């Protein structure tokens, strides 16, 4: 039989989403006359006494800023909508910003110098700034891709379309993997010896499970084992292997992604090699990565050896396919 393999097409909706996310990310603050609720306000705080007069030796801060949208108290938030530059708003910052750390930062209170934040404060509005999407122009292209890499709107469109296509290709492959796995699981009939599997699970060193838990999760274990057996057959029959180098590269890739999430992008190559090698020496890690690579090879083998029926599909219709499951 044949398997459908979806080639997801880039549509205008998706293109606009991507373009919007870039023009927003590379946007800028511009001054506006009146606040509507999304703005960043810049101004000065002065602490008041219980009678509403300036508090002697109270907290006073020049040029601090906050986003109206971060005010937690709805009544206070309303006070900041429709205001102009020069207006003075009296409110309780503790009620507006319950997070003590954020509040101290905003009122520029140094660590160790714990002033008492109490009573109302007055805030004088000096600037009202609205985050504005960047124009689609050369400045944006240079910010995104480096100077003179992209030189026209056509090239920019092509670049974004290519990027989206790459993600959609991954989505199509992901769907194929889920479908072929499901198909093989239902087409290949062999009974898993349930008692044996349960005994194996109970005795298994890795899975310290209670008996009830095994009963409850049993269908899941049974599926896993069945898939493992199918994979092993494909691996054996086609002599699929994983080299030490492939495992270390895969570990390295995974470490680099983790570092990137923490904003660490320039880890020296020799340090990476050293960490990857240490991971590789750990038997469990090595096994985990090997299994993952083998599974990838199984899917890659299936993709190249199954009769595929390539289906062009819009992104919207493709999303619908997932909702059915």
Protein backbone atom coordinates (compact mmCIF):
# COMPACT_ATOMS: atom_id res chain seq x y z
CA UNK A 1 0.00 0.00 0.00
CA UNK A 2 1.00 3.64 -0.21
CA UNK A 3 1.39 6.19 2.54
CA UNK A 4 0.38 9.82 2.25
CA UNK A 5 3.28 12.20 2.77
CA UNK A 6 2.25 15.80 3.24
CA UNK A 7 4.05 18.67 1.56
CA UNK A 8 2.71 21.59 3.54
CA UNK A 9 2.50 24.79 1.51
CA UNK A 10 3.38 28.25 2.77
CA UNK A 11 0.23 30.36 2.69
CA UNK A 12 -0.24 34.12 3.13
CA UNK A 13 -1.57 33.72 6.65
CA UNK A 14 1.56 31.90 7.80
CA UNK A 15 3.84 34.26 5.89
CA UNK A 16 2.19 37.27 7.58
CA UNK A 17 2.52 35.66 11.02
CA UNK A 18 6.26 35.21 10.52
CA UNK A 19 6.74 38.66 9.04
CA UNK A 20 4.75 40.20 11.91
CA UNK A 21 6.85 38.42 14.50
CA UNK A 22 10.00 39.90 12.90
CA UNK A 23 8.69 43.44 12.46
CA UNK A 24 7.53 43.30 16.10
CA UNK A 25 10.81 41.88 17.39
CA UNK A 26 12.85 44.49 15.54
CA UNK A 27 10.47 47.32 16.35
CA UNK A 28 11.13 50.50 18.33
CA UNK A 29 9.48 52.81 20.86
CA UNK A 30 7.95 56.01 19.53
CA UNK A 31 6.44 58.86 21.49
CA UNK A 32 2.67 59.18 21.48
CA UNK A 33 0.41 61.94 22.86
CA UNK A 34 -2.18 59.89 24.75
CA UNK A 35 -2.00 56.46 26.41
CA UNK A 36 -4.35 53.65 25.36
CA UNK A 37 -3.10 50.83 27.59
CA UNK A 38 -0.20 49.18 25.74
CA UNK A 39 2.35 51.93 26.33
CA UNK A 40 5.53 52.23 28.35
CA UNK A 41 5.41 55.22 30.69
CA UNK A 42 8.49 57.14 31.74
CA UNK A 43 8.38 59.58 34.63
CA UNK A 44 9.06 60.44 38.27
CA UNK A 45 7.74 58.97 41.52
CA UNK A 46 7.34 60.84 44.81
CA UNK A 47 6.15 59.13 48.00
CA UNK A 48 3.25 60.80 49.83
CA UNK A 49 2.35 60.88 53.51
CA UNK A 50 -1.05 59.64 54.76
CA UNK A 51 -2.47 63.15 54.13
CA UNK A 52 -1.40 63.14 50.49
CA UNK A 53 1.47 65.61 50.91
CA UNK A 54 5.06 64.91 49.83
CA UNK A 55 6.60 62.70 52.53
CA UNK A 56 9.64 64.22 54.19
CA UNK A 57 12.72 62.07 53.38
CA UNK A 58 10.38 59.72 51.47
CA UNK A 59 11.24 57.80 48.34
CA UNK A 60 11.61 59.88 45.22
CA UNK A 61 12.73 58.51 41.86
CA UNK A 62 13.53 60.35 38.66
CA UNK A 63 13.14 58.80 35.20
CA UNK A 64 11.82 55.35 35.91
CA UNK A 65 9.56 53.38 33.61
CA UNK A 66 6.87 50.71 33.55
CA UNK A 67 4.43 49.16 31.10
CA UNK A 68 0.79 49.99 31.76
CA UNK A 69 -0.12 46.39 30.87
CA UNK A 70 1.94 45.07 33.83
CA UNK A 71 -0.27 46.82 36.42
CA UNK A 72 -2.07 44.02 38.25
CA UNK A 73 -4.90 46.05 39.83
CA UNK A 74 -7.60 46.78 37.23
CA UNK A 75 -8.92 49.91 38.97
CA UNK A 76 -5.43 51.43 39.08
CA UNK A 77 -4.78 50.40 35.47
CA UNK A 78 -7.83 52.41 34.37
CA UNK A 79 -6.25 55.57 35.83
CA UNK A 80 -3.43 55.25 33.29
CA UNK A 81 -5.58 55.04 30.18
CA UNK A 82 -6.26 58.23 28.28
CA UNK A 83 -3.56 60.27 30.05
CA UNK A 84 -1.27 62.90 28.50
CA UNK A 85 2.30 64.00 29.14
CA UNK A 86 2.62 66.17 32.27
CA UNK A 87 -0.31 64.57 34.09
CA UNK A 88 0.15 63.48 37.71
CA UNK A 89 -1.43 60.20 38.83
CA UNK A 90 -1.74 59.31 42.53
CA UNK A 91 -1.85 55.56 43.29
CA UNK A 92 -0.54 52.81 45.57
CA UNK A 93 2.38 51.14 43.77
CA UNK A 94 2.24 48.12 46.10
CA UNK A 95 -1.27 47.32 44.91
CA UNK A 96 -0.33 47.98 41.27
CA UNK A 97 2.87 45.91 41.35
CA UNK A 98 2.55 43.15 43.98
CA UNK A 99 5.88 41.58 42.95
CA UNK A 100 8.30 43.07 45.50
CA UNK A 101 11.44 42.52 43.38
CA UNK A 102 9.98 44.31 40.35
CA UNK A 103 8.67 47.12 42.52
CA UNK A 104 12.04 47.71 44.21
CA UNK A 105 13.76 47.76 40.82
CA UNK A 106 11.23 50.28 39.51
CA UNK A 107 11.61 52.52 42.57
CA UNK A 108 15.41 52.05 42.31
CA UNK A 109 15.71 50.84 45.89
CA UNK A 110 19.15 49.36 46.36
CA UNK A 111 19.57 45.96 47.98
CA UNK A 112 20.17 46.31 51.70
CA UNK A 113 18.67 49.81 51.70
CA UNK A 114 15.15 48.66 52.39
CA UNK A 115 13.06 51.82 52.40
CA UNK A 116 9.48 51.32 53.48
CA UNK A 117 7.20 51.34 50.50
CA UNK A 118 3.91 52.53 51.96
CA UNK A 119 1.11 55.05 51.30
CA UNK A 120 0.27 56.41 47.87
CA UNK A 121 2.86 57.81 45.49
CA UNK A 122 2.41 60.40 42.81
CA UNK A 123 3.70 59.67 39.36
CA UNK A 124 4.40 62.48 36.87
CA UNK A 125 4.21 61.33 33.27
CA UNK A 126 7.18 62.56 31.20
CA UNK A 127 7.01 60.26 28.17
CA UNK A 128 4.42 57.91 26.69
CA UNK A 129 6.11 55.36 24.44
CA UNK A 130 4.43 52.84 22.18
CA UNK A 131 6.26 49.79 20.78
CA UNK A 132 5.90 50.08 17.04
CA UNK A 133 6.59 47.45 14.43
CA UNK A 134 9.52 48.15 12.21
CA UNK A 135 8.89 49.00 8.55
CA UNK A 136 9.75 46.32 6.01
CA UNK A 137 12.83 48.07 4.64
CA UNK A 138 16.60 47.80 4.25
CA UNK A 139 17.16 48.69 7.90
CA UNK A 140 15.10 45.66 8.97
CA UNK A 141 16.88 43.34 6.50
CA UNK A 142 20.29 44.46 7.82
CA UNK A 143 19.22 44.02 11.46
CA UNK A 144 17.91 40.53 10.76
CA UNK A 145 20.48 39.08 8.39
CA UNK A 146 23.55 41.33 8.65
CA UNK A 147 24.54 44.18 6.37
CA UNK A 148 23.64 43.86 2.66
CA UNK A 149 22.77 40.14 2.79
CA UNK A 150 19.20 40.83 1.74
CA UNK A 151 18.69 43.83 -0.54
CA UNK A 152 15.05 43.90 -1.63
CA UNK A 153 11.57 43.03 -0.45
CA UNK A 154 11.55 40.13 -2.97
CA UNK A 155 14.72 38.67 -1.44
CA UNK A 156 13.27 39.17 2.05
CA UNK A 157 10.08 37.33 1.07
CA UNK A 158 12.12 34.51 -0.43
CA UNK A 159 14.23 34.25 2.73
CA UNK A 160 11.21 34.06 5.05
CA UNK A 161 9.42 31.61 2.74
CA UNK A 162 12.49 29.37 2.76
CA UNK A 163 12.61 29.49 6.55
CA UNK A 164 8.91 28.61 6.88
CA UNK A 165 9.29 25.81 4.29
CA UNK A 166 12.06 24.31 6.39
CA UNK A 167 9.76 24.16 9.44
CA UNK A 168 6.85 22.85 7.40
CA UNK A 169 9.06 20.12 5.96
CA UNK A 170 9.84 19.05 9.53
CA UNK A 171 6.10 19.11 10.31
CA UNK A 172 5.37 16.90 7.30
CA UNK A 173 8.06 14.42 8.34
CA UNK A 174 6.74 14.42 11.92
CA UNK A 175 3.26 13.51 10.62
CA UNK A 176 4.71 10.77 8.40
CA UNK A 177 6.54 9.24 11.38
CA UNK A 178 3.39 9.20 13.49
CA UNK A 179 1.35 7.70 10.61
CA UNK A 180 3.84 5.00 9.59
CA UNK A 181 4.31 3.95 13.21
CA UNK A 182 0.55 3.65 13.66
CA UNK A 183 0.23 1.72 10.39
CA UNK A 184 3.00 -0.76 11.22
CA UNK A 185 1.61 -1.27 14.70
CA UNK A 186 -1.82 -2.14 13.34
CA UNK A 187 -0.62 -4.09 10.26
CA UNK A 188 1.91 -6.33 11.94
CA UNK A 189 0.16 -8.81 14.11
CA UNK A 190 2.04 -10.66 16.74
CA UNK A 191 0.95 -11.25 20.25
CA UNK A 192 3.08 -9.91 23.04
CA UNK A 193 3.16 -12.49 25.81
CA UNK A 194 1.46 -10.37 28.45
CA UNK A 195 2.45 -12.40 31.50
CA UNK A 196 6.04 -12.46 30.39
CA UNK A 197 6.01 -8.72 29.77
CA UNK A 198 4.48 -8.03 33.18
CA UNK A 199 7.08 -10.22 34.88
CA UNK A 200 9.83 -8.51 32.94
CA UNK A 201 8.50 -5.09 33.95
CA UNK A 202 8.30 -6.10 37.61
CA UNK A 203 11.81 -7.47 37.63
CA UNK A 204 13.27 -4.79 35.42
CA UNK A 205 15.93 -2.83 37.25
CA UNK A 206 15.13 0.36 35.33
CA UNK A 207 11.42 0.41 35.98
CA UNK A 208 10.74 0.39 39.67
CA UNK A 209 7.00 0.20 39.41
CA UNK A 210 4.24 -0.90 41.68
CA UNK A 211 2.13 -3.84 40.51
CA UNK A 212 -1.03 -1.69 40.24
CA UNK A 213 0.85 0.88 38.19
CA UNK A 214 1.91 -1.82 35.74
CA UNK A 215 -1.69 -2.98 35.32
CA UNK A 216 -2.80 0.59 34.74
CA UNK A 217 -0.06 1.54 32.25
CA UNK A 218 0.07 -1.87 30.65
CA UNK A 219 -1.38 -0.97 27.22
CA UNK A 220 1.28 1.72 26.99
CA UNK A 221 4.13 -0.70 27.83
CA UNK A 222 2.71 -3.26 25.43
CA UNK A 223 2.72 -0.68 22.62
CA UNK A 224 6.26 0.37 23.44
CA UNK A 225 7.49 -3.20 23.38
CA UNK A 226 5.69 -3.95 20.12
CA UNK A 227 7.25 -0.86 18.49
CA UNK A 228 10.66 -1.87 19.87
CA UNK A 229 10.31 -5.35 18.31
CA UNK A 230 9.26 -3.88 14.92
CA UNK A 231 12.20 -1.46 15.02
CA UNK A 232 14.64 -4.22 15.98
CA UNK A 233 13.49 -6.28 12.99
CA UNK A 234 14.07 -3.38 10.59
CA UNK A 235 17.45 -2.60 12.19
CA UNK A 236 18.58 -6.21 11.97
CA UNK A 237 17.32 -6.86 8.46
CA UNK A 238 18.96 -3.73 7.05
CA UNK A 239 22.03 -3.83 9.26
CA UNK A 240 21.44 -0.31 10.57
CA UNK A 241 24.26 0.72 12.89
CA UNK A 242 25.30 3.67 15.01
CA UNK A 243 28.92 4.75 15.27
CA UNK A 244 30.58 6.25 18.32
CA UNK A 245 31.12 9.44 16.32
CA UNK A 246 27.41 9.75 15.51
CA UNK A 247 26.49 9.40 19.18
CA UNK A 248 29.06 12.01 20.26
CA UNK A 249 27.90 14.42 17.52
CA UNK A 250 24.31 13.97 18.63
CA UNK A 251 25.24 14.60 22.28
CA UNK A 252 27.18 17.69 21.20
CA UNK A 253 24.23 19.01 19.20
CA UNK A 254 21.95 18.52 22.20
CA UNK A 255 24.37 20.30 24.56
CA UNK A 256 24.72 23.22 22.16
CA UNK A 257 20.94 23.62 22.04
CA UNK A 258 20.77 23.66 25.84
CA UNK A 259 23.53 26.26 26.08
CA UNK A 260 21.80 28.39 23.46
CA UNK A 261 18.64 28.42 25.57
CA UNK A 262 20.71 30.01 28.35
CA UNK A 263 22.13 32.51 25.87
CA UNK A 264 25.56 30.85 25.79
CA UNK A 265 26.58 30.77 22.16
CA UNK A 266 30.36 30.84 22.16
CA UNK A 267 31.42 27.75 24.13
CA UNK A 268 34.93 26.79 22.93
CA UNK A 269 35.01 23.73 20.67
CA UNK A 270 37.44 21.80 22.89
CA UNK A 271 35.23 22.35 25.95
CA UNK A 272 32.22 21.04 24.01
CA UNK A 273 34.21 17.99 22.93
CA UNK A 274 35.22 17.35 26.52
CA UNK A 275 31.62 17.61 27.85
CA UNK A 276 30.27 15.44 25.03
CA UNK A 277 32.92 12.81 25.76
CA UNK A 278 31.96 12.82 29.48
CA UNK A 279 28.31 12.30 28.59
CA UNK A 280 29.30 9.51 26.23
CA UNK A 281 31.14 7.71 29.04
CA UNK A 282 27.86 7.54 30.95
CA UNK A 283 26.29 4.23 29.88
CA UNK A 284 22.67 5.38 30.27
CA UNK A 285 23.20 8.57 28.28
CA UNK A 286 25.05 6.67 25.58
CA UNK A 287 22.20 4.17 25.33
CA UNK A 288 19.56 6.91 25.20
CA UNK A 289 21.28 8.77 22.36
CA UNK A 290 22.05 5.55 20.42
CA UNK A 291 18.42 4.49 20.59
CA UNK A 292 17.29 7.89 19.36
CA UNK A 293 19.69 7.80 16.38
CA UNK A 294 18.65 4.24 15.50
CA UNK A 295 15.00 5.23 15.60
CA UNK A 296 15.78 8.15 13.26
CA UNK A 297 17.53 5.72 10.91
CA UNK A 298 14.51 3.41 10.98
CA UNK A 299 12.20 6.28 9.99
CA UNK A 300 14.64 7.44 7.32
CA UNK A 301 14.78 3.89 5.94
CA UNK A 302 10.97 3.69 5.90
CA UNK A 303 10.64 7.05 4.19
CA UNK A 304 12.93 5.87 1.40
CA UNK A 305 11.44 2.39 1.03
CA UNK A 306 7.70 2.85 1.38
CA UNK A 307 5.53 3.86 -1.58
CA UNK A 308 4.77 7.47 -0.83
CA UNK A 309 1.90 9.45 -2.19
CA UNK A 310 2.96 13.10 -1.94
CA UNK A 311 0.04 15.32 -1.05
CA UNK A 312 0.23 19.10 -1.41
CA UNK A 313 -1.76 20.61 1.43
CA UNK A 314 -2.34 24.09 2.83
CA UNK A 315 -1.09 24.81 6.30
CA UNK A 316 -4.65 25.32 7.53
CA UNK A 317 -5.86 21.92 6.27
CA UNK A 318 -2.71 20.27 7.66
CA UNK A 319 -3.45 21.69 11.14
CA UNK A 320 -6.96 20.21 10.87
CA UNK A 321 -5.48 16.71 10.40
CA UNK A 322 -4.03 16.89 13.91
CA UNK A 323 -7.32 17.91 15.45
CA UNK A 324 -8.94 14.66 14.27
CA UNK A 325 -6.52 12.57 16.32
